Amino acid sequence: MNNIMKTLTELTVVLTIPTITYGFWGINLKLPFQGIPYGSLLVIVISLLISLLVWYWLKKKKSL
């Protein structure tokens, strides 16, 4: 049971970053990358990279 909770917590922490990023891009305002043809793909890639960096950082600190 403890391993399951640890895994779920790890997933929650890492996937919170894309959720916040996509939430900001859902606002009806002029945003960065809006005029670029592949802007949404760029936002997804940036969000995934940040998530991977946070995951790696937490693993390195042995928090996960």
PDB file of N, CA and C in Angstrom:
ATOM      1  N   MET A   1       0.827  -1.189   0.000  1.00  0.00           N
ATOM      2  CA  MET A   1       0.000   0.000   0.000  1.00  0.00           C
ATOM      3  C   MET A   1       0.872   1.253   0.000  1.00  0.00           C
ATOM      4  N   ASN A   2       1.966   1.240   0.749  1.00  0.00           N
ATOM      5  CA  ASN A   2       2.833   2.401   0.835  1.00  0.00           C
ATOM      6  C   ASN A   2       3.481   2.726  -0.509  1.00  0.00           C
ATOM      7  N   ASN A   3       3.903   1.706  -1.258  1.00  0.00           N
ATOM      8  CA  ASN A   3       4.507   1.923  -2.575  1.00  0.00           C
ATOM      9  C   ASN A   3       3.502   2.510  -3.554  1.00  0.00           C
ATOM     10  N   ILE A   4       2.264   2.086  -3.468  1.00  0.00           N
ATOM     11  CA  ILE A   4       1.223   2.609  -4.348  1.00  0.00           C
ATOM     12  C   ILE A   4       0.995   4.088  -4.070  1.00  0.00           C
ATOM     13  N   MET A   5       0.928   4.459  -2.816  1.00  0.00           N
ATOM     14  CA  MET A   5       0.722   5.864  -2.453  1.00  0.00           C
ATOM     15  C   MET A   5       1.913   6.722  -2.866  1.00  0.00           C
ATOM     16  N   LYS A   6       3.103   6.186  -2.752  1.00  0.00           N
ATOM     17  CA  LYS A   6       4.302   6.911  -3.160  1.00  0.00           C
ATOM     18  C   LYS A   6       4.293   7.153  -4.666  1.00  0.00           C
ATOM     19  N   THR A   7       3.916   6.163  -5.433  1.00  0.00           N
ATOM     20  CA  THR A   7       3.847   6.293  -6.887  1.00  0.00           C
ATOM     21  C   THR A   7       2.775   7.292  -7.297  1.00  0.00           C
ATOM     22  N   LEU A   8       1.619   7.236  -6.664  1.00  0.00           N
ATOM     23  CA  LEU A   8       0.548   8.172  -6.983  1.00  0.00           C
ATOM     24  C   LEU A   8       0.934   9.606  -6.623  1.00  0.00           C
ATOM     25  N   THR A   9       1.637   9.789  -5.528  1.00  0.00           N
ATOM     26  CA  THR A   9       2.096  11.119  -5.139  1.00  0.00           C
ATOM     27  C   THR A   9       3.107  11.642  -6.146  1.00  0.00           C
ATOM     28  N   GLU A  10       4.008  10.791  -6.582  1.00  0.00           N
ATOM     29  CA  GLU A  10       5.003  11.171  -7.587  1.00  0.00           C
ATOM     30  C   GLU A  10       4.319  11.620  -8.876  1.00  0.00           C
ATOM     31  N   LEU A  11       3.353  10.862  -9.335  1.00  0.00           N
ATOM     32  CA  LEU A  11       2.627  11.228 -10.554  1.00  0.00           C
ATOM     33  C   LEU A  11       1.864  12.537 -10.387  1.00  0.00           C
ATOM     34  N   THR A  12       1.278  12.732  -9.237  1.00  0.00           N
ATOM     35  CA  THR A  12       0.517  13.955  -8.988  1.00  0.00           C
ATOM     36  C   THR A  12       1.415  15.178  -9.017  1.00  0.00           C
ATOM     37  N   VAL A  13       2.567  15.100  -8.372  1.00  0.00           N
ATOM     38  CA  VAL A  13       3.488  16.241  -8.329  1.00  0.00           C
ATOM     39  C   VAL A  13       4.001  16.565  -9.728  1.00  0.00           C
ATOM     40  N   VAL A  14       4.392  15.556 -10.475  1.00  0.00           N
ATOM     41  CA  VAL A  14       4.963  15.778 -11.803  1.00  0.00           C
ATOM     42  C   VAL A  14       3.903  16.263 -12.792  1.00  0.00           C
ATOM     43  N   LEU A  15       2.693  15.754 -12.722  1.00  0.00           N
ATOM     44  CA  LEU A  15       1.654  16.137 -13.681  1.00  0.00           C
ATOM     45  C   LEU A  15       0.933  17.433 -13.317  1.00  0.00           C
ATOM     46  N   THR A  16       1.227  17.991 -12.157  1.00  0.00           N
ATOM     47  CA  THR A  16       0.647  19.282 -11.801  1.00  0.00           C
ATOM     48  C   THR A  16       1.211  20.396 -12.686  1.00  0.00           C
ATOM     49  N   ILE A  17       2.452  20.287 -13.078  1.00  0.00           N
ATOM     50  CA  ILE A  17       3.097  21.322 -13.893  1.00  0.00           C
ATOM     51  C   ILE A  17       2.417  21.475 -15.249  1.00  0.00           C
ATOM     52  N   PRO A  18       2.182  20.399 -16.017  1.00  0.00           N
ATOM     53  CA  PRO A  18       1.461  20.591 -17.283  1.00  0.00           C
ATOM     54  C   PRO A  18       0.045  21.112 -17.080  1.00  0.00           C
ATOM     55  N   THR A  19      -0.599  20.722 -16.007  1.00  0.00           N
ATOM     56  CA  THR A  19      -1.956  21.200 -15.746  1.00  0.00           C
ATOM     57  C   THR A  19      -1.976  22.714 -15.553  1.00  0.00           C
ATOM     58  N   ILE A  20      -1.043  23.229 -14.793  1.00  0.00           N
ATOM     59  CA  ILE A  20      -0.961  24.678 -14.583  1.00  0.00           C
ATOM     60  C   ILE A  20      -0.608  25.389 -15.885  1.00  0.00           C
ATOM     61  N   THR A  21       0.350  24.846 -16.632  1.00  0.00           N
ATOM     62  CA  THR A  21       0.757  25.463 -17.899  1.00  0.00           C
ATOM     63  C   THR A  21      -0.398  25.515 -18.881  1.00  0.00           C
ATOM     64  N   TYR A  22      -1.114  24.426 -19.055  1.00  0.00           N
ATOM     65  CA  TYR A  22      -2.239  24.402 -19.996  1.00  0.00           C
ATOM     66  C   TYR A  22      -3.374  25.294 -19.514  1.00  0.00           C
ATOM     67  N   GLY A  23      -3.525  25.433 -18.217  1.00  0.00           N
ATOM     68  CA  GLY A  23      -4.538  26.334 -17.679  1.00  0.00           C
ATOM     69  C   GLY A  23      -4.249  27.778 -18.042  1.00  0.00           C
ATOM     70  N   PHE A  24      -2.981  28.186 -17.975  1.00  0.00           N
ATOM     71  CA  PHE A  24      -2.626  29.549 -18.368  1.00  0.00           C
ATOM     72  C   PHE A  24      -2.881  29.778 -19.855  1.00  0.00           C
ATOM     73  N   TRP A  25      -2.627  28.793 -20.680  1.00  0.00           N
ATOM     74  CA  TRP A  25      -2.828  28.955 -22.119  1.00  0.00           C
ATOM     75  C   TRP A  25      -4.302  28.878 -22.501  1.00  0.00           C
ATOM     76  N   GLY A  26      -5.155  28.528 -21.575  1.00  0.00           N
ATOM     77  CA  GLY A  26      -6.585  28.504 -21.836  1.00  0.00           C
ATOM     78  C   GLY A  26      -7.259  29.852 -21.598  1.00  0.00           C
ATOM     79  N   ILE A  27      -6.511  30.811 -21.067  1.00  0.00           N
ATOM     80  CA  ILE A  27      -7.056  32.145 -20.803  1.00  0.00           C
ATOM     81  C   ILE A  27      -7.191  32.895 -22.124  1.00  0.00           C
ATOM     82  N   ASN A  28      -8.242  33.682 -22.261  1.00  0.00           N
ATOM     83  CA  ASN A  28      -8.487  34.425 -23.503  1.00  0.00           C
ATOM     84  C   ASN A  28      -7.734  35.750 -23.503  1.00  0.00           C
ATOM     85  N   LEU A  29      -6.434  35.689 -23.533  1.00  0.00           N
ATOM     86  CA  LEU A  29      -5.564  36.857 -23.589  1.00  0.00           C
ATOM     87  C   LEU A  29      -4.499  36.621 -24.647  1.00  0.00           C
ATOM     88  N   LYS A  30      -3.798  37.671 -25.019  1.00  0.00           N
ATOM     89  CA  LYS A  30      -2.671  37.533 -25.932  1.00  0.00           C
ATOM     90  C   LYS A  30      -1.532  36.865 -25.176  1.00  0.00           C
ATOM     91  N   LEU A  31      -1.110  35.722 -25.654  1.00  0.00           N
ATOM     92  CA  LEU A  31      -0.108  34.930 -24.959  1.00  0.00           C
ATOM     93  C   LEU A  31       1.103  34.672 -25.846  1.00  0.00           C
ATOM     94  N   PRO A  32       2.241  34.343 -25.236  1.00  0.00           N
ATOM     95  CA  PRO A  32       3.412  33.979 -26.036  1.00  0.00           C
ATOM     96  C   PRO A  32       3.128  32.736 -26.884  1.00  0.00           C
ATOM     97  N   PHE A  33       3.738  32.661 -28.026  1.00  0.00           N
ATOM     98  CA  PHE A  33       3.631  31.545 -28.979  1.00  0.00           C
ATOM     99  C   PHE A  33       2.261  31.472 -29.641  1.00  0.00           C
ATOM    100  N   GLN A  34       1.421  32.482 -29.491  1.00  0.00           N
ATOM    101  CA  GLN A  34       0.078  32.422 -30.052  1.00  0.00           C
ATOM    102  C   GLN A  34       0.100  32.576 -31.571  1.00  0.00           C
ATOM    103  N   GLY A  35       1.013  33.375 -32.112  1.00  0.00           N
ATOM    104  CA  GLY A  35       1.071  33.599 -33.545  1.00  0.00           C
ATOM    105  C   GLY A  35       1.903  32.578 -34.293  1.00  0.00           C
ATOM    106  N   ILE A  36       2.602  31.728 -33.584  1.00  0.00           N
ATOM    107  CA  ILE A  36       3.460  30.725 -34.215  1.00  0.00           C
ATOM    108  C   ILE A  36       2.606  29.529 -34.630  1.00  0.00           C
ATOM    109  N   PRO A  37       2.822  29.002 -35.868  1.00  0.00           N
ATOM    110  CA  PRO A  37       1.991  27.866 -36.331  1.00  0.00           C
ATOM    111  C   PRO A  37       2.037  26.646 -35.401  1.00  0.00           C
ATOM    112  N   TYR A  38       3.187  26.365 -34.836  1.00  0.00           N
ATOM    113  CA  TYR A  38       3.321  25.197 -33.948  1.00  0.00           C
ATOM    114  C   TYR A  38       3.434  25.637 -32.489  1.00  0.00           C
ATOM    115  N   GLY A  39       2.769  26.726 -32.144  1.00  0.00           N
ATOM    116  CA  GLY A  39       2.853  27.272 -30.794  1.00  0.00           C
ATOM    117  C   GLY A  39       2.334  26.333 -29.730  1.00  0.00           C
ATOM    118  N   SER A  40       1.214  25.681 -29.997  1.00  0.00           N
ATOM    119  CA  SER A  40       0.660  24.769 -28.989  1.00  0.00           C
ATOM    120  C   SER A  40       1.566  23.554 -28.789  1.00  0.00           C
ATOM    121  N   LEU A  41       2.176  23.082 -29.863  1.00  0.00           N
ATOM    122  CA  LEU A  41       3.122  21.968 -29.734  1.00  0.00           C
ATOM    123  C   LEU A  41       4.334  22.400 -28.917  1.00  0.00           C
ATOM    124  N   LEU A  42       4.779  23.636 -29.125  1.00  0.00           N
ATOM    125  CA  LEU A  42       5.906  24.161 -28.370  1.00  0.00           C
ATOM    126  C   LEU A  42       5.579  24.255 -26.880  1.00  0.00           C
ATOM    127  N   VAL A  43       4.373  24.673 -26.563  1.00  0.00           N
ATOM    128  CA  VAL A  43       3.947  24.746 -25.162  1.00  0.00           C
ATOM    129  C   VAL A  43       3.925  23.348 -24.537  1.00  0.00           C
ATOM    130  N   ILE A  44       3.453  22.366 -25.277  1.00  0.00           N
ATOM    131  CA  ILE A  44       3.425  20.987 -24.771  1.00  0.00           C
ATOM    132  C   ILE A  44       4.840  20.476 -24.516  1.00  0.00           C
ATOM    133  N   VAL A  45       5.749  20.739 -25.444  1.00  0.00           N
ATOM    134  CA  VAL A  45       7.131  20.281 -25.286  1.00  0.00           C
ATOM    135  C   VAL A  45       7.787  20.951 -24.085  1.00  0.00           C
ATOM    136  N   ILE A  46       7.599  22.259 -23.938  1.00  0.00           N
ATOM    137  CA  ILE A  46       8.172  22.975 -22.798  1.00  0.00           C
ATOM    138  C   ILE A  46       7.617  22.425 -21.489  1.00  0.00           C
ATOM    139  N   SER A  47       6.321  22.191 -21.450  1.00  0.00           N
ATOM    140  CA  SER A  47       5.683  21.666 -20.249  1.00  0.00           C
ATOM    141  C   SER A  47       6.218  20.278 -19.899  1.00  0.00           C
ATOM    142  N   LEU A  48       6.371  19.433 -20.891  1.00  0.00           N
ATOM    143  CA  LEU A  48       6.909  18.092 -20.637  1.00  0.00           C
ATOM    144  C   LEU A  48       8.364  18.141 -20.175  1.00  0.00           C
ATOM    145  N   LEU A  49       9.143  19.041 -20.761  1.00  0.00           N
ATOM    146  CA  LEU A  49      10.535  19.174 -20.329  1.00  0.00           C
ATOM    147  C   LEU A  49      10.626  19.637 -18.876  1.00  0.00           C
ATOM    148  N   ILE A  50       9.811  20.598 -18.502  1.00  0.00           N
ATOM    149  CA  ILE A  50       9.813  21.056 -17.115  1.00  0.00           C
ATOM    150  C   ILE A  50       9.382  19.934 -16.176  1.00  0.00           C
ATOM    151  N   SER A  51       8.385  19.155 -16.593  1.00  0.00           N
ATOM    152  CA  SER A  51       7.937  18.024 -15.768  1.00  0.00           C
ATOM    153  C   SER A  51       9.046  16.994 -15.586  1.00  0.00           C
ATOM    154  N   LEU A  52       9.764  16.710 -16.661  1.00  0.00           N
ATOM    155  CA  LEU A  52      10.872  15.752 -16.559  1.00  0.00           C
ATOM    156  C   LEU A  52      11.983  16.284 -15.664  1.00  0.00           C
ATOM    157  N   LEU A  53      12.261  17.580 -15.752  1.00  0.00           N
ATOM    158  CA  LEU A  53      13.277  18.168 -14.882  1.00  0.00           C
ATOM    159  C   LEU A  53      12.875  18.095 -13.413  1.00  0.00           C
ATOM    160  N   VAL A  54      11.622  18.366 -13.124  1.00  0.00           N
ATOM    161  CA  VAL A  54      11.146  18.273 -11.742  1.00  0.00           C
ATOM    162  C   VAL A  54      11.202  16.835 -11.260  1.00  0.00           C
ATOM    163  N   TRP A  55      10.801  15.899 -12.089  1.00  0.00           N
ATOM    164  CA  TRP A  55      10.851  14.487 -11.721  1.00  0.00           C
ATOM    165  C   TRP A  55      12.290  14.064 -11.415  1.00  0.00           C
ATOM    166  N   TYR A  56      13.223  14.472 -12.289  1.00  0.00           N
ATOM    167  CA  TYR A  56      14.629  14.130 -12.084  1.00  0.00           C
ATOM    168  C   TYR A  56      15.161  14.766 -10.794  1.00  0.00           C
ATOM    169  N   TRP A  57      14.800  16.041 -10.574  1.00  0.00           N
ATOM    170  CA  TRP A  57      15.250  16.746  -9.378  1.00  0.00           C
ATOM    171  C   TRP A  57      14.731  16.073  -8.112  1.00  0.00           C
ATOM    172  N   LEU A  58      13.467  15.675  -8.112  1.00  0.00           N
ATOM    173  CA  LEU A  58      12.889  15.012  -6.941  1.00  0.00           C
ATOM    174  C   LEU A  58      13.524  13.626  -6.725  1.00  0.00           C
ATOM    175  N   LYS A  59      13.806  12.928  -7.801  1.00  0.00           N
ATOM    176  CA  LYS A  59      14.482  11.622  -7.669  1.00  0.00           C
ATOM    177  C   LYS A  59      15.890  11.807  -7.092  1.00  0.00           C
ATOM    178  N   LYS A  60      16.573  12.856  -7.559  1.00  0.00           N
ATOM    179  CA  LYS A  60      17.929  13.105  -7.090  1.00  0.00           C
ATOM    180  C   LYS A  60      17.961  13.471  -5.607  1.00  0.00           C
ATOM    181  N   LYS A  61      16.929  14.204  -5.149  1.00  0.00           N
ATOM    182  CA  LYS A  61      16.822  14.560  -3.731  1.00  0.00           C
ATOM    183  C   LYS A  61      16.311  13.399  -2.891  1.00  0.00           C
ATOM    184  N   LYS A  62      15.937  12.319  -3.559  1.00  0.00           N
ATOM    185  CA  LYS A  62      15.369  11.134  -2.905  1.00  0.00           C
ATOM    186  C   LYS A  62      14.062  11.454  -2.195  1.00  0.00           C
ATOM    187  N   SER A  63      13.326  12.420  -2.763  1.00  0.00           N
ATOM    188  CA  SER A  63      12.016  12.752  -2.217  1.00  0.00           C
ATOM    189  C   SER A  63      10.948  11.815  -2.764  1.00  0.00           C
ATOM    190  N   LEU A  64      11.265  11.153  -3.850  1.00  0.00           N
ATOM    191  CA  LEU A  64      10.294  10.230  -4.454  1.00  0.00           C
ATOM    192  C   LEU A  64      10.787   8.814  -4.368  1.00  0.00           C
TER     193      LEU A  64
END
